[in-house]
N, C-alpha and C. Protein backbone atom coordinates (compact mmCIF):
# COMPACT_ATOMS: atom_id res chain seq x y z
N MET A 1 -13.22 21.98 -52.95
CA MET A 1 -13.78 21.56 -51.69
C MET A 1 -13.70 20.05 -51.56
N ARG A 2 -13.93 19.33 -52.65
CA ARG A 2 -13.83 17.88 -52.59
C ARG A 2 -12.40 17.44 -52.30
N ILE A 3 -11.44 18.19 -52.82
CA ILE A 3 -10.04 17.84 -52.59
C ILE A 3 -9.73 17.94 -51.10
N GLY A 4 -10.23 18.97 -50.43
CA GLY A 4 -10.02 19.15 -49.00
C GLY A 4 -10.67 18.01 -48.20
N TYR A 5 -11.85 17.61 -48.62
CA TYR A 5 -12.57 16.52 -47.96
C TYR A 5 -11.83 15.20 -48.14
N VAL A 6 -11.40 14.93 -49.35
CA VAL A 6 -10.69 13.68 -49.65
C VAL A 6 -9.35 13.65 -48.93
N SER A 7 -8.64 14.77 -48.93
CA SER A 7 -7.35 14.78 -48.25
C SER A 7 -7.54 14.63 -46.72
N SER A 8 -8.62 15.15 -46.18
CA SER A 8 -8.91 14.97 -44.74
C SER A 8 -9.16 13.51 -44.44
N LEU A 9 -9.92 12.82 -45.30
CA LEU A 9 -10.18 11.39 -45.11
C LEU A 9 -8.89 10.59 -45.22
N LEU A 10 -8.06 10.96 -46.21
CA LEU A 10 -6.80 10.27 -46.40
C LEU A 10 -5.90 10.46 -45.17
N PHE A 11 -5.85 11.66 -44.65
CA PHE A 11 -5.05 11.94 -43.46
C PHE A 11 -5.56 11.12 -42.27
N ALA A 12 -6.87 11.06 -42.08
CA ALA A 12 -7.45 10.29 -40.97
C ALA A 12 -7.12 8.81 -41.12
N ALA A 13 -7.19 8.29 -42.35
CA ALA A 13 -6.89 6.88 -42.58
C ALA A 13 -5.43 6.58 -42.28
N LEU A 14 -4.53 7.45 -42.72
CA LEU A 14 -3.12 7.23 -42.45
C LEU A 14 -2.82 7.32 -40.96
N ALA A 15 -3.46 8.25 -40.28
CA ALA A 15 -3.27 8.38 -38.83
C ALA A 15 -3.76 7.12 -38.13
N PHE A 16 -4.87 6.58 -38.57
CA PHE A 16 -5.42 5.36 -37.99
C PHE A 16 -4.45 4.20 -38.14
N PHE A 17 -3.88 4.04 -39.33
CA PHE A 17 -2.96 2.94 -39.54
C PHE A 17 -1.66 3.11 -38.75
N SER A 18 -1.20 4.33 -38.61
CA SER A 18 0.04 4.53 -37.85
C SER A 18 -0.21 4.27 -36.37
N ILE A 19 -1.37 4.63 -35.88
CA ILE A 19 -1.71 4.35 -34.48
C ILE A 19 -1.90 2.85 -34.30
N GLY A 20 -2.55 2.21 -35.24
CA GLY A 20 -2.78 0.77 -35.17
C GLY A 20 -1.49 -0.02 -35.11
N THR A 21 -0.47 0.42 -35.82
CA THR A 21 0.80 -0.31 -35.81
C THR A 21 1.51 -0.13 -34.47
N SER A 22 1.46 1.06 -33.92
CA SER A 22 2.14 1.26 -32.64
C SER A 22 1.39 0.55 -31.52
N ALA A 23 0.09 0.36 -31.68
CA ALA A 23 -0.69 -0.32 -30.65
C ALA A 23 -0.37 -1.81 -30.63
N ALA A 24 0.22 -2.33 -31.73
CA ALA A 24 0.54 -3.75 -31.78
C ALA A 24 1.78 -4.08 -30.95
N GLU A 25 2.52 -3.06 -30.54
CA GLU A 25 3.70 -3.30 -29.72
C GLU A 25 3.25 -3.75 -28.33
N PRO A 26 3.97 -4.68 -27.72
CA PRO A 26 3.56 -5.16 -26.40
C PRO A 26 3.67 -4.04 -25.36
N VAL A 27 2.73 -4.05 -24.46
CA VAL A 27 2.70 -3.06 -23.39
C VAL A 27 3.03 -3.78 -22.09
N LYS A 28 4.00 -3.27 -21.36
CA LYS A 28 4.37 -3.87 -20.08
C LYS A 28 3.40 -3.37 -19.02
N VAL A 29 2.75 -4.31 -18.37
CA VAL A 29 1.77 -3.97 -17.34
C VAL A 29 2.27 -4.49 -16.01
N GLU A 30 2.30 -3.60 -15.04
CA GLU A 30 2.71 -3.98 -13.70
C GLU A 30 1.55 -4.69 -13.01
N PRO A 31 1.82 -5.72 -12.23
CA PRO A 31 0.73 -6.41 -11.52
C PRO A 31 0.10 -5.48 -10.49
N ALA A 32 -1.20 -5.56 -10.39
CA ALA A 32 -1.94 -4.73 -9.44
C ALA A 32 -1.75 -5.27 -8.03
N GLN A 33 -1.72 -4.36 -7.07
CA GLN A 33 -1.64 -4.80 -5.69
C GLN A 33 -3.04 -5.19 -5.26
N SER A 34 -3.15 -6.32 -4.64
CA SER A 34 -4.47 -6.79 -4.24
C SER A 34 -4.74 -6.43 -2.79
N ALA A 35 -6.01 -6.44 -2.46
CA ALA A 35 -6.42 -6.16 -1.09
C ALA A 35 -6.37 -7.43 -0.24
N VAL A 36 -6.03 -8.55 -0.85
CA VAL A 36 -5.93 -9.82 -0.13
C VAL A 36 -4.71 -9.77 0.78
N ALA A 37 -4.85 -10.31 1.96
CA ALA A 37 -3.74 -10.30 2.91
C ALA A 37 -2.53 -11.01 2.32
N GLN A 38 -1.39 -10.39 2.46
CA GLN A 38 -0.14 -10.94 1.97
C GLN A 38 0.46 -11.84 3.06
N PRO A 39 1.25 -12.83 2.67
CA PRO A 39 1.90 -13.65 3.68
C PRO A 39 2.83 -12.81 4.54
N ALA A 40 2.99 -13.22 5.77
CA ALA A 40 3.83 -12.46 6.69
C ALA A 40 5.27 -12.43 6.18
N ARG A 41 5.85 -11.25 6.24
CA ARG A 41 7.25 -11.09 5.86
C ARG A 41 8.11 -11.19 7.11
N ALA A 42 9.35 -11.54 6.91
CA ALA A 42 10.27 -11.58 8.04
C ALA A 42 10.46 -10.17 8.58
N PRO A 43 10.42 -10.00 9.88
CA PRO A 43 10.58 -8.66 10.44
C PRO A 43 11.97 -8.10 10.14
N VAL A 44 12.01 -6.79 10.04
CA VAL A 44 13.27 -6.08 9.84
C VAL A 44 14.11 -6.22 11.10
N ALA A 45 15.41 -6.33 10.94
CA ALA A 45 16.29 -6.40 12.11
C ALA A 45 16.02 -5.17 12.98
N GLY A 46 15.83 -5.39 14.25
CA GLY A 46 15.54 -4.29 15.15
C GLY A 46 14.09 -3.86 15.10
N ALA A 47 13.20 -4.76 14.66
CA ALA A 47 11.77 -4.44 14.57
C ALA A 47 11.22 -4.15 15.96
N LEU A 48 10.20 -3.34 16.01
CA LEU A 48 9.58 -2.98 17.28
C LEU A 48 8.73 -4.13 17.79
N ASN A 49 8.90 -4.45 19.05
CA ASN A 49 8.06 -5.46 19.67
C ASN A 49 6.75 -4.80 20.06
N LEU A 50 5.69 -5.22 19.42
CA LEU A 50 4.37 -4.63 19.63
C LEU A 50 3.89 -4.82 21.07
N ASN A 51 4.42 -5.82 21.77
CA ASN A 51 3.98 -6.10 23.13
C ASN A 51 4.81 -5.41 24.21
N THR A 52 5.93 -4.82 23.84
CA THR A 52 6.76 -4.17 24.87
C THR A 52 7.11 -2.71 24.56
N ALA A 53 6.95 -2.28 23.32
CA ALA A 53 7.32 -0.91 22.95
C ALA A 53 6.42 0.11 23.63
N ASP A 54 7.02 1.18 24.09
CA ASP A 54 6.21 2.25 24.68
C ASP A 54 5.70 3.17 23.56
N ALA A 55 4.84 4.12 23.94
CA ALA A 55 4.20 5.00 22.96
C ALA A 55 5.23 5.79 22.16
N GLN A 56 6.29 6.26 22.82
CA GLN A 56 7.31 7.04 22.13
C GLN A 56 8.02 6.21 21.06
N ALA A 57 8.36 4.97 21.39
CA ALA A 57 9.03 4.09 20.43
C ALA A 57 8.11 3.78 19.25
N LEU A 58 6.84 3.56 19.51
CA LEU A 58 5.88 3.29 18.44
C LEU A 58 5.74 4.50 17.52
N GLN A 59 5.68 5.67 18.13
CA GLN A 59 5.52 6.90 17.36
C GLN A 59 6.71 7.17 16.45
N THR A 60 7.90 6.97 16.95
CA THR A 60 9.08 7.27 16.15
C THR A 60 9.47 6.13 15.21
N GLY A 61 9.09 4.91 15.54
CA GLY A 61 9.51 3.77 14.74
C GLY A 61 8.55 3.31 13.66
N LEU A 62 7.34 3.84 13.66
CA LEU A 62 6.34 3.39 12.70
C LEU A 62 5.89 4.51 11.78
N ILE A 63 5.49 4.14 10.58
CA ILE A 63 5.02 5.10 9.58
C ILE A 63 3.54 5.40 9.81
N GLY A 64 3.20 6.68 9.87
CA GLY A 64 1.80 7.09 10.00
C GLY A 64 1.24 6.95 11.40
N ILE A 65 2.10 6.76 12.37
CA ILE A 65 1.66 6.63 13.76
C ILE A 65 2.15 7.84 14.54
N GLY A 66 1.20 8.65 14.96
CA GLY A 66 1.53 9.82 15.76
C GLY A 66 1.33 9.52 17.23
N GLN A 67 1.35 10.56 18.02
CA GLN A 67 1.25 10.42 19.47
C GLN A 67 -0.07 9.78 19.89
N VAL A 68 -1.18 10.19 19.28
CA VAL A 68 -2.49 9.69 19.67
C VAL A 68 -2.64 8.20 19.33
N LYS A 69 -2.25 7.81 18.13
CA LYS A 69 -2.36 6.41 17.74
C LYS A 69 -1.41 5.53 18.53
N ALA A 70 -0.21 6.02 18.80
CA ALA A 70 0.75 5.26 19.58
C ALA A 70 0.21 5.01 20.99
N GLN A 71 -0.39 6.03 21.58
CA GLN A 71 -0.97 5.88 22.91
C GLN A 71 -2.16 4.92 22.87
N ALA A 72 -2.94 4.94 21.77
CA ALA A 72 -4.07 4.03 21.62
C ALA A 72 -3.59 2.57 21.55
N ILE A 73 -2.47 2.34 20.91
CA ILE A 73 -1.90 0.99 20.83
C ILE A 73 -1.52 0.50 22.23
N VAL A 74 -0.86 1.34 23.00
CA VAL A 74 -0.45 0.98 24.36
C VAL A 74 -1.68 0.72 25.22
N GLU A 75 -2.69 1.58 25.12
CA GLU A 75 -3.90 1.41 25.92
C GLU A 75 -4.65 0.13 25.54
N TYR A 76 -4.69 -0.19 24.25
CA TYR A 76 -5.33 -1.43 23.79
C TYR A 76 -4.60 -2.63 24.40
N ARG A 77 -3.28 -2.61 24.37
CA ARG A 77 -2.47 -3.70 24.90
C ARG A 77 -2.70 -3.85 26.41
N GLU A 78 -2.79 -2.73 27.11
CA GLU A 78 -3.01 -2.78 28.56
C GLU A 78 -4.40 -3.32 28.89
N ALA A 79 -5.40 -3.00 28.07
CA ALA A 79 -6.77 -3.44 28.32
C ALA A 79 -7.02 -4.88 27.88
N ASN A 80 -6.34 -5.34 26.82
CA ASN A 80 -6.64 -6.64 26.23
C ASN A 80 -5.53 -7.67 26.35
N GLY A 81 -4.43 -7.30 26.95
CA GLY A 81 -3.31 -8.23 27.06
C GLY A 81 -2.42 -8.14 25.83
N PRO A 82 -1.38 -8.95 25.80
CA PRO A 82 -0.41 -8.89 24.70
C PRO A 82 -1.05 -9.23 23.36
N PHE A 83 -0.51 -8.63 22.31
CA PHE A 83 -0.95 -8.94 20.96
C PHE A 83 -0.54 -10.37 20.63
N THR A 84 -1.43 -11.12 20.01
CA THR A 84 -1.11 -12.49 19.60
C THR A 84 -0.78 -12.55 18.12
N SER A 85 -1.11 -11.48 17.41
CA SER A 85 -0.84 -11.39 15.97
C SER A 85 -0.68 -9.91 15.62
N VAL A 86 0.16 -9.63 14.65
CA VAL A 86 0.33 -8.25 14.19
C VAL A 86 -1.00 -7.76 13.60
N ASP A 87 -1.78 -8.66 13.01
CA ASP A 87 -3.08 -8.28 12.43
C ASP A 87 -4.06 -7.77 13.48
N GLU A 88 -3.85 -8.13 14.73
CA GLU A 88 -4.71 -7.67 15.82
C GLU A 88 -4.62 -6.15 15.99
N LEU A 89 -3.58 -5.56 15.43
CA LEU A 89 -3.41 -4.11 15.47
C LEU A 89 -4.59 -3.40 14.81
N LEU A 90 -5.28 -4.08 13.90
CA LEU A 90 -6.45 -3.50 13.23
C LEU A 90 -7.59 -3.23 14.22
N GLU A 91 -7.56 -3.87 15.38
CA GLU A 91 -8.59 -3.66 16.39
C GLU A 91 -8.42 -2.33 17.12
N VAL A 92 -7.26 -1.73 17.00
CA VAL A 92 -6.98 -0.44 17.66
C VAL A 92 -7.64 0.66 16.86
N LYS A 93 -8.41 1.50 17.54
CA LYS A 93 -9.10 2.59 16.87
C LYS A 93 -8.09 3.50 16.17
N GLY A 94 -8.35 3.79 14.89
CA GLY A 94 -7.49 4.68 14.12
C GLY A 94 -6.43 3.97 13.30
N ILE A 95 -6.30 2.64 13.47
CA ILE A 95 -5.32 1.87 12.69
C ILE A 95 -6.08 1.09 11.63
N GLY A 96 -5.78 1.38 10.38
CA GLY A 96 -6.44 0.70 9.27
C GLY A 96 -5.49 -0.25 8.56
N ALA A 97 -6.01 -0.93 7.56
CA ALA A 97 -5.23 -1.91 6.81
C ALA A 97 -4.02 -1.27 6.14
N SER A 98 -4.18 -0.08 5.62
CA SER A 98 -3.08 0.60 4.94
C SER A 98 -1.92 0.87 5.90
N THR A 99 -2.25 1.38 7.07
CA THR A 99 -1.20 1.66 8.07
C THR A 99 -0.53 0.37 8.51
N LEU A 100 -1.32 -0.67 8.70
CA LEU A 100 -0.75 -1.96 9.10
C LEU A 100 0.22 -2.48 8.05
N GLU A 101 -0.17 -2.43 6.78
CA GLU A 101 0.69 -2.95 5.71
C GLU A 101 1.98 -2.16 5.58
N LYS A 102 1.92 -0.85 5.80
CA LYS A 102 3.12 -0.02 5.73
C LYS A 102 4.12 -0.40 6.82
N ASN A 103 3.60 -0.93 7.92
CA ASN A 103 4.44 -1.17 9.09
C ASN A 103 4.65 -2.65 9.42
N ARG A 104 4.01 -3.53 8.69
CA ARG A 104 4.06 -4.96 9.02
C ARG A 104 5.49 -5.48 9.24
N ALA A 105 6.39 -5.14 8.33
CA ALA A 105 7.76 -5.63 8.43
C ALA A 105 8.53 -4.97 9.57
N ARG A 106 8.02 -3.89 10.10
CA ARG A 106 8.70 -3.17 11.19
C ARG A 106 8.28 -3.68 12.57
N LEU A 107 7.32 -4.60 12.59
CA LEU A 107 6.76 -5.05 13.86
C LEU A 107 7.11 -6.51 14.15
N SER A 108 7.22 -6.80 15.44
CA SER A 108 7.41 -8.18 15.86
C SER A 108 6.58 -8.38 17.13
N LEU A 109 6.45 -9.64 17.55
CA LEU A 109 5.70 -9.95 18.75
C LEU A 109 6.58 -10.56 19.83
N ASP A 110 7.83 -10.82 19.52
CA ASP A 110 8.71 -11.43 20.51
C ASP A 110 9.92 -10.60 20.79
């Protein structure tokens, strides 16, 4: 019985040392995406003009924008005037930061 106990301890010690050596290898860590606003990227060629696109163009040209959200964007623009910043899209009901970031490069104001 003592032999079984001693061999179990020996096995655990060897396993610990083998794990310890592999843990010493460098681990590549990808940088985390932050919630801090990123600098504006250059719009993609043929980006949608947020101030002139109709609901159909917004719906087909943007990620995560369906008929209801596209119509809400048009109605917001009609009620409040032209967008002065792409970030103003966050004021439209149903548009959150995630949706804005997915589409930022697809939008323009001119």
